[in-house]
Amino acid sequence: MEDKVKAVLETLRPYLQMDGGDLEFVELTDEKVVKVRLKGACAGCPGAMYTLKMGIERKVKEEIPDVVSVEAVPF
């Protein structure tokens, strides 16, 4: 399942990079929570939580229904 999550995240990275941001996969917990680290412009963006929940989490859960949520972790 981790490989599938990473593959979905890779499809999303170019969209974040267009705006000067990026993301890094950190882990997939036993509870099926995906942990990512937002980088670049995304790290300090006021809209980052919207991007995370409405963009990244929505796409990951659409592709992998077993995923419970996607959460950002600090540096």
C-alpha atoms as a PDB file:
ATOM      1  CA  MET A   1       0.000   0.000   0.000  1.00  0.00           C
ATOM      2  CA  GLU A   2       2.884   2.373   0.726  1.00  0.00           C
ATOM      3  CA  ASP A   3       4.080   2.139  -2.872  1.00  0.00           C
ATOM      4  CA  LYS A   4       0.602   3.042  -4.118  1.00  0.00           C
ATOM      5  CA  VAL A   5       0.493   6.070  -1.826  1.00  0.00           C
ATOM      6  CA  LYS A   6       3.910   7.220  -3.044  1.00  0.00           C
ATOM      7  CA  ALA A   7       2.795   6.800  -6.667  1.00  0.00           C
ATOM      8  CA  VAL A   8      -0.287   8.967  -6.107  1.00  0.00           C
ATOM      9  CA  LEU A   9       1.782  11.620  -4.327  1.00  0.00           C
ATOM     10  CA  GLU A  10       4.222  11.671  -7.257  1.00  0.00           C
ATOM     11  CA  THR A  11       1.358  12.520  -9.628  1.00  0.00           C
ATOM     12  CA  LEU A  12       0.485  15.512  -7.414  1.00  0.00           C
ATOM     13  CA  ARG A  13       4.001  16.907  -6.951  1.00  0.00           C
ATOM     14  CA  PRO A  14       4.144  18.779 -10.299  1.00  0.00           C
ATOM     15  CA  TYR A  15       1.060  20.812  -9.347  1.00  0.00           C
ATOM     16  CA  LEU A  16       2.663  21.886  -6.086  1.00  0.00           C
ATOM     17  CA  GLN A  17       5.988  22.573  -7.789  1.00  0.00           C
ATOM     18  CA  MET A  18       4.294  24.925 -10.287  1.00  0.00           C
ATOM     19  CA  ASP A  19       3.577  27.218  -7.332  1.00  0.00           C
ATOM     20  CA  GLY A  20       7.009  26.854  -5.735  1.00  0.00           C
ATOM     21  CA  GLY A  21       6.013  24.147  -3.273  1.00  0.00           C
ATOM     22  CA  ASP A  22       6.598  20.441  -2.875  1.00  0.00           C
ATOM     23  CA  LEU A  23       5.817  17.543  -0.593  1.00  0.00           C
ATOM     24  CA  GLU A  24       7.714  14.637   0.844  1.00  0.00           C
ATOM     25  CA  PHE A  25       6.266  11.278   1.903  1.00  0.00           C
ATOM     26  CA  VAL A  26       7.147  10.614   5.558  1.00  0.00           C
ATOM     27  CA  GLU A  27       5.231   7.473   6.521  1.00  0.00           C
ATOM     28  CA  LEU A  28       2.077   5.411   6.313  1.00  0.00           C
ATOM     29  CA  THR A  29       0.986   4.549   9.848  1.00  0.00           C
ATOM     30  CA  ASP A  30      -0.593   1.284  10.978  1.00  0.00           C
ATOM     31  CA  GLU A  31      -3.841   3.246  11.281  1.00  0.00           C
ATOM     32  CA  LYS A  32      -3.594   4.039   7.529  1.00  0.00           C
ATOM     33  CA  VAL A  33      -2.800   7.713   8.035  1.00  0.00           C
ATOM     34  CA  VAL A  34      -0.439   9.145   5.431  1.00  0.00           C
ATOM     35  CA  LYS A  35       2.113  11.578   6.862  1.00  0.00           C
ATOM     36  CA  VAL A  36       3.669  14.109   4.496  1.00  0.00           C
ATOM     37  CA  ARG A  37       5.967  17.082   4.896  1.00  0.00           C
ATOM     38  CA  LEU A  38       5.046  20.210   2.950  1.00  0.00           C
ATOM     39  CA  LYS A  39       8.077  22.008   1.560  1.00  0.00           C
ATOM     40  CA  GLY A  40       8.957  25.206  -0.227  1.00  0.00           C
ATOM     41  CA  ALA A  41       6.138  27.695  -0.668  1.00  0.00           C
ATOM     42  CA  CYS A  42       3.664  25.142   0.720  1.00  0.00           C
ATOM     43  CA  ALA A  43       5.413  25.063   4.095  1.00  0.00           C
ATOM     44  CA  GLY A  44       4.356  28.570   5.067  1.00  0.00           C
ATOM     45  CA  CYS A  45       1.339  29.097   2.845  1.00  0.00           C
ATOM     46  CA  PRO A  46      -1.902  30.112   4.597  1.00  0.00           C
ATOM     47  CA  GLY A  47      -3.817  27.881   2.160  1.00  0.00           C
ATOM     48  CA  ALA A  48      -1.649  24.818   2.795  1.00  0.00           C
ATOM     49  CA  MET A  49      -4.253  23.026   4.924  1.00  0.00           C
ATOM     50  CA  TYR A  50      -6.860  23.558   2.206  1.00  0.00           C
ATOM     51  CA  THR A  51      -4.437  22.131  -0.377  1.00  0.00           C
ATOM     52  CA  LEU A  52      -3.634  19.228   1.934  1.00  0.00           C
ATOM     53  CA  LYS A  53      -7.224  18.244   2.773  1.00  0.00           C
ATOM     54  CA  MET A  54      -9.161  19.251  -0.350  1.00  0.00           C
ATOM     55  CA  GLY A  55      -6.456  18.388  -2.859  1.00  0.00           C
ATOM     56  CA  ILE A  56      -3.902  15.862  -1.676  1.00  0.00           C
ATOM     57  CA  GLU A  57      -6.065  13.919   0.795  1.00  0.00           C
ATOM     58  CA  ARG A  58      -9.047  13.834  -1.565  1.00  0.00           C
ATOM     59  CA  LYS A  59      -6.955  12.397  -4.414  1.00  0.00           C
ATOM     60  CA  VAL A  60      -5.149   9.857  -2.222  1.00  0.00           C
ATOM     61  CA  LYS A  61      -8.433   8.603  -0.699  1.00  0.00           C
ATOM     62  CA  GLU A  62     -10.033   8.488  -4.141  1.00  0.00           C
ATOM     63  CA  GLU A  63      -7.225   6.269  -5.443  1.00  0.00           C
ATOM     64  CA  ILE A  64      -6.734   4.276  -2.211  1.00  0.00           C
ATOM     65  CA  PRO A  65     -10.011   4.099  -0.245  1.00  0.00           C
ATOM     66  CA  ASP A  66      -8.351   2.351   2.726  1.00  0.00           C
ATOM     67  CA  VAL A  67      -6.436   5.534   3.589  1.00  0.00           C
ATOM     68  CA  VAL A  68      -8.064   7.280   6.560  1.00  0.00           C
ATOM     69  CA  SER A  69      -6.443  10.703   6.214  1.00  0.00           C
ATOM     70  CA  VAL A  70      -3.407  12.652   5.061  1.00  0.00           C
ATOM     71  CA  GLU A  71      -1.655  14.814   7.637  1.00  0.00           C
ATOM     72  CA  ALA A  72       1.235  17.241   7.482  1.00  0.00           C
ATOM     73  CA  VAL A  73       4.155  16.865   9.865  1.00  0.00           C
ATOM     74  CA  PRO A  74       6.545  19.705  10.745  1.00  0.00           C
ATOM     75  CA  PHE A  75      10.220  19.728   9.822  1.00  0.00           C
END
